Amino acid sequence: MINPTLENTIVLIPARMASTRLPGKPLADICGLPMIVQVAMRAREANIGRIMVAVDHPDILSVVTAAGFEAVMTRIDHQSGSDRIFEALTHADPEGKAQYIVNVQGDLPTIEAETVRAALRPLSNPATDIATLTVEITHEEEKTNPNVVKIVGSPIGERRLRALYFTRATAPYGNGPLYHHIGLYAYRREALQRFVSLAPSTLEKRESLEQLRALEAGMRIDAEIVDSVPLGVDTPADLEKARTMLAGQKQ
């Protein structure tokens, strides 16, 4: 049974300055605050543990700390968010007090607190190494969209799947629901440490999906089923949508 506290759980938020579609994305203004600060506020609302932002630029570090959140500088050459959060973890918690690590992407300024909390639930099973989230696909066009990553999994409860595969293809075949993977993860500390020590795997490179590395190495990933996909801000249009959503919540 897990018991998230400030002592044993840390929420790590990776934030990179480089973005081809939206330069300077972490600093983009949303309702008077930089986007990365809005994400940190959503993570704090989840109330599951210590919040830490893993940054790669002093300007991001400055706005995060000015808003009262912890931040740690990480290398600019990391190949993935998992590598970045593991470096941040070693700096922020060298004594190993945090046993559960939640990775909230730095471009989810409207994510709901309950969605963040849901990511931890599959770790209540001691056999689960990594937890993540998924949503049943309801729009027909998403089923064939390669940008919508699908989880192929076995139901292990009303709101949970054991992940057997992740793919950009339309899968599994036949009648039944398809599930859209949400890239928000919770790790046991030892699982994260093992994961970042592994070399990129064959299927990971073929599908361009990092999580397949864990499955190919025999690690177990379980996914909690939630009700909606949080808005990821990747384009100017996404940014405007996030501004509208948060402005509406304030009214």
Protein backbone atom coordinates (compact mmCIF):
# COMPACT_ATOMS: atom_id res chain seq x y z
CA MET A 1 0.00 0.00 0.00
CA ILE A 2 1.41 3.40 -0.90
CA ASN A 3 1.15 6.44 1.33
CA PRO A 4 2.28 9.55 -0.58
CA THR A 5 3.71 12.23 1.68
CA LEU A 6 6.11 15.13 1.34
CA GLU A 7 8.80 12.73 2.52
CA ASN A 8 8.30 9.80 0.15
CA THR A 9 6.79 11.36 -3.00
CA ILE A 10 8.17 14.01 -5.32
CA VAL A 11 6.49 15.53 -8.37
CA LEU A 12 9.12 16.38 -10.97
CA ILE A 13 8.25 18.71 -13.84
CA PRO A 14 10.75 18.83 -16.74
CA ALA A 15 10.94 22.16 -18.55
CA ARG A 16 13.01 22.75 -21.69
CA MET A 17 13.51 26.16 -23.25
CA ALA A 18 13.98 24.74 -26.76
CA SER A 19 10.78 24.13 -28.71
CA THR A 20 10.56 24.14 -32.48
CA ARG A 21 6.84 24.91 -32.65
CA LEU A 22 6.61 27.27 -29.68
CA PRO A 23 9.98 28.87 -28.78
CA GLY A 24 10.42 29.73 -25.11
CA LYS A 25 7.36 27.65 -24.27
CA PRO A 26 7.87 27.39 -20.47
CA LEU A 27 7.85 31.19 -20.20
CA ALA A 28 4.74 31.76 -22.33
CA ASP A 29 2.25 33.97 -20.49
CA ILE A 30 -1.00 32.33 -19.40
CA CYS A 31 -3.30 34.58 -17.37
CA GLY A 32 -0.41 36.62 -16.05
CA LEU A 33 1.93 33.75 -15.14
CA PRO A 34 4.54 31.78 -17.08
CA MET A 35 3.20 28.44 -18.27
CA ILE A 36 5.68 26.46 -16.16
CA VAL A 37 4.41 28.23 -13.03
CA GLN A 38 0.83 27.35 -13.96
CA VAL A 39 1.88 23.69 -14.28
CA ALA A 40 3.60 23.79 -10.90
CA MET A 41 0.44 25.26 -9.37
CA ARG A 42 -1.66 22.43 -10.81
CA ALA A 43 0.81 19.91 -9.38
CA ARG A 44 0.62 21.60 -5.97
CA GLU A 45 -3.18 21.40 -6.05
CA ALA A 46 -2.85 17.60 -6.32
CA ASN A 47 -1.30 17.64 -2.82
CA ILE A 48 0.66 14.41 -3.22
CA GLY A 49 4.18 15.49 -2.37
CA ARG A 50 7.10 17.84 -2.87
CA ILE A 51 7.14 19.81 -6.16
CA MET A 52 10.38 20.28 -8.11
CA VAL A 53 10.89 21.76 -11.58
CA ALA A 54 13.81 20.39 -13.62
CA VAL A 55 15.01 23.23 -15.86
CA ASP A 56 17.70 23.71 -18.50
CA HIS A 57 17.86 27.52 -18.63
CA PRO A 58 18.46 30.21 -15.97
CA ASP A 59 15.43 32.21 -17.11
CA ILE A 60 13.13 29.28 -16.28
CA LEU A 61 14.92 28.78 -12.97
CA SER A 62 14.36 32.44 -12.13
CA VAL A 63 10.61 32.54 -12.76
CA VAL A 64 10.00 29.24 -10.96
CA THR A 65 11.86 30.25 -7.81
CA ALA A 66 10.32 33.75 -7.89
CA ALA A 67 6.92 32.05 -7.74
CA GLY A 68 7.96 30.16 -4.62
CA PHE A 69 8.63 26.73 -6.14
CA GLU A 70 11.77 24.64 -6.01
CA ALA A 71 13.81 24.24 -9.18
CA VAL A 72 17.03 22.52 -10.13
CA MET A 73 19.26 23.16 -13.15
CA THR A 74 19.85 20.13 -15.38
CA ARG A 75 21.94 19.51 -18.48
CA ILE A 76 20.69 20.78 -21.82
CA ASP A 77 21.62 17.64 -23.75
CA HIS A 78 19.20 15.11 -22.24
CA GLN A 79 17.47 12.95 -24.84
CA SER A 80 14.26 12.53 -22.84
CA GLY A 81 12.23 13.92 -19.98
CA SER A 82 12.92 10.73 -18.00
CA ASP A 83 16.66 11.39 -18.13
CA ARG A 84 16.08 14.97 -17.04
CA ILE A 85 13.92 14.09 -14.06
CA PHE A 86 16.36 11.42 -12.91
CA GLU A 87 19.21 13.94 -12.91
CA ALA A 88 16.98 16.36 -10.99
CA LEU A 89 16.08 13.63 -8.52
CA THR A 90 19.73 12.88 -7.74
CA HIS A 91 20.32 16.58 -7.04
CA ALA A 92 17.11 17.23 -5.12
CA ASP A 93 17.01 14.03 -3.07
CA PRO A 94 20.51 12.53 -2.79
CA GLU A 95 19.56 10.68 0.38
CA GLY A 96 16.85 8.68 -1.40
CA LYS A 97 13.90 9.72 0.77
CA ALA A 98 11.52 9.97 -2.20
CA GLN A 99 10.40 6.49 -3.20
CA TYR A 100 7.66 7.57 -5.62
CA ILE A 101 8.34 9.96 -8.48
CA VAL A 102 5.54 11.52 -10.52
CA ASN A 103 6.59 13.02 -13.85
CA VAL A 104 4.21 15.80 -14.90
CA GLN A 105 5.05 17.27 -18.30
CA GLY A 106 5.82 20.99 -18.26
CA ASP A 107 3.29 21.82 -20.97
CA LEU A 108 0.09 20.80 -19.15
CA PRO A 109 -1.06 24.09 -17.58
CA THR A 110 -4.72 23.06 -17.32
CA ILE A 111 -4.27 19.54 -15.94
CA GLU A 112 -6.69 18.71 -13.15
CA ALA A 113 -5.42 17.81 -9.69
CA GLU A 114 -7.38 14.55 -9.73
CA THR A 115 -5.63 13.50 -12.95
CA VAL A 116 -2.23 13.98 -11.31
CA ARG A 117 -3.36 11.98 -8.28
CA ALA A 118 -4.67 9.18 -10.49
CA ALA A 119 -1.19 8.50 -11.84
CA LEU A 120 -0.07 7.14 -8.48
CA ARG A 121 -2.89 4.66 -7.97
CA PRO A 122 -1.51 1.71 -9.98
CA LEU A 123 1.57 1.69 -7.74
CA SER A 124 -0.65 0.34 -4.96
CA ASN A 125 0.12 -3.01 -6.62
CA PRO A 126 3.65 -3.96 -5.50
CA ALA A 127 4.20 -5.78 -8.81
CA THR A 128 3.82 -2.54 -10.81
CA ASP A 129 7.06 -0.75 -11.72
CA ILE A 130 5.66 2.23 -13.63
CA ALA A 131 2.19 3.78 -13.62
CA THR A 132 0.63 5.93 -16.30
CA LEU A 133 -2.76 7.17 -17.54
CA THR A 134 -5.10 6.43 -20.40
CA VAL A 135 -8.45 7.57 -21.81
CA GLU A 136 -10.91 5.60 -23.92
CA ILE A 137 -10.96 6.99 -27.46
CA THR A 138 -14.36 8.40 -28.42
CA HIS A 139 -13.50 10.30 -31.62
CA GLU A 140 -13.26 8.02 -34.63
CA GLU A 141 -10.47 9.98 -36.31
CA GLU A 142 -8.16 9.47 -33.31
CA LYS A 143 -8.22 5.71 -33.83
CA THR A 144 -6.18 6.02 -37.02
CA ASN A 145 -4.12 9.10 -36.09
CA PRO A 146 -0.45 8.10 -35.57
CA ASN A 147 0.03 11.08 -33.27
CA VAL A 148 -2.46 9.52 -30.85
CA VAL A 149 -0.51 6.80 -29.05
CA LYS A 150 -2.60 3.76 -28.15
CA ILE A 151 -2.21 1.38 -25.23
CA VAL A 152 -2.82 -2.27 -25.95
CA GLY A 153 -3.60 -3.71 -22.54
CA SER A 154 -5.46 -6.28 -20.49
CA PRO A 155 -8.14 -5.02 -18.10
CA ILE A 156 -7.17 -5.66 -14.46
CA GLY A 157 -10.06 -3.75 -12.94
CA GLU A 158 -12.85 -1.39 -13.86
CA ARG A 159 -10.47 1.57 -14.21
CA ARG A 160 -7.12 -0.03 -14.94
CA LEU A 161 -5.16 -1.78 -17.68
CA ARG A 162 -1.93 -3.74 -17.64
CA ALA A 163 0.01 -2.39 -20.61
CA LEU A 164 1.18 -5.04 -23.06
CA TYR A 165 2.22 -2.68 -25.85
CA PHE A 166 2.15 0.96 -26.95
CA THR A 167 1.71 1.84 -30.62
CA ARG A 168 0.94 4.59 -33.09
CA ALA A 169 -1.04 2.10 -35.17
CA THR A 170 -4.73 1.31 -34.74
CA ALA A 171 -4.70 -1.53 -32.21
CA PRO A 172 -5.87 -3.93 -31.01
CA TYR A 173 -7.85 -5.31 -33.95
CA GLY A 174 -11.53 -6.18 -33.65
CA ASN A 175 -14.47 -4.94 -31.63
CA GLY A 176 -13.93 -3.19 -28.34
CA PRO A 177 -12.54 0.05 -26.93
CA LEU A 178 -9.26 1.65 -27.97
CA TYR A 179 -7.26 3.66 -25.43
CA HIS A 180 -5.32 6.88 -25.87
CA HIS A 181 -2.14 6.96 -23.79
CA ILE A 182 -1.48 10.07 -21.68
CA GLY A 183 2.24 10.64 -21.18
CA LEU A 184 2.18 11.25 -17.45
CA TYR A 185 4.08 8.70 -15.37
CA ALA A 186 4.65 7.66 -11.77
CA TYR A 187 7.69 5.53 -10.99
CA ARG A 188 9.04 3.61 -8.10
CA ARG A 189 12.46 5.13 -7.54
CA GLU A 190 14.30 1.90 -8.36
CA ALA A 191 12.24 1.51 -11.54
CA LEU A 192 13.16 4.99 -12.76
CA GLN A 193 16.82 4.33 -11.98
CA ARG A 194 16.71 1.07 -13.92
CA PHE A 195 14.82 2.60 -16.83
CA VAL A 196 17.30 5.42 -17.47
CA SER A 197 20.19 2.94 -17.31
CA LEU A 198 18.77 0.95 -20.24
CA ALA A 199 19.84 1.54 -23.83
CA PRO A 200 17.13 2.53 -26.34
CA SER A 201 15.36 -0.64 -27.46
CA THR A 202 14.42 -1.99 -30.87
CA LEU A 203 10.68 -1.33 -30.66
CA GLU A 204 11.21 2.01 -28.91
CA LYS A 205 13.23 3.22 -31.89
CA ARG A 206 10.78 1.76 -34.40
CA GLU A 207 7.67 3.35 -32.84
CA SER A 208 9.48 6.41 -31.40
CA LEU A 209 7.92 5.58 -28.02
CA GLU A 210 10.23 5.62 -25.02
CA GLN A 211 7.96 3.55 -22.80
CA LEU A 212 8.49 0.47 -24.98
CA ARG A 213 12.03 0.32 -23.59
CA ALA A 214 10.59 -0.58 -20.20
CA LEU A 215 8.26 -3.25 -21.58
CA GLU A 216 11.04 -4.82 -23.67
CA ALA A 217 13.16 -5.02 -20.51
CA GLY A 218 10.39 -6.92 -18.71
CA MET A 219 9.20 -4.02 -16.55
CA ARG A 220 5.51 -3.79 -15.71
CA ILE A 221 3.46 -0.72 -16.65
CA ASP A 222 -0.13 -0.31 -15.46
CA ALA A 223 -2.44 2.47 -16.66
CA GLU A 224 -5.24 4.13 -14.73
CA ILE A 225 -8.25 5.00 -16.90
CA VAL A 226 -9.30 8.65 -16.51
CA ASP A 227 -12.07 10.66 -18.14
CA SER A 228 -10.27 13.18 -20.35
CA VAL A 229 -6.96 13.98 -22.03
CA PRO A 230 -5.28 17.06 -20.53
CA LEU A 231 -4.41 19.82 -22.99
CA GLY A 232 -0.77 19.70 -24.04
CA VAL A 233 0.50 23.07 -25.26
CA ASP A 234 2.61 22.54 -28.39
CA THR A 235 1.44 25.32 -30.74
CA PRO A 236 0.27 28.95 -30.56
CA ALA A 237 -3.30 27.68 -31.00
CA ASP A 238 -2.91 25.37 -27.99
CA LEU A 239 -1.57 28.30 -25.98
CA GLU A 240 -4.63 30.40 -26.78
CA LYS A 241 -6.89 27.53 -25.81
CA ALA A 242 -5.10 27.15 -22.46
CA ARG A 243 -5.48 30.87 -21.80
CA THR A 244 -9.19 30.69 -22.51
CA MET A 245 -9.65 27.63 -20.28
CA LEU A 246 -7.82 29.09 -17.29
CA ALA A 247 -9.45 32.50 -17.70
CA GLY A 248 -12.82 30.78 -17.62
CA GLN A 249 -11.93 28.94 -14.40
CA LYS A 250 -11.10 32.24 -12.71
CA GLN A 251 -14.50 33.74 -13.48
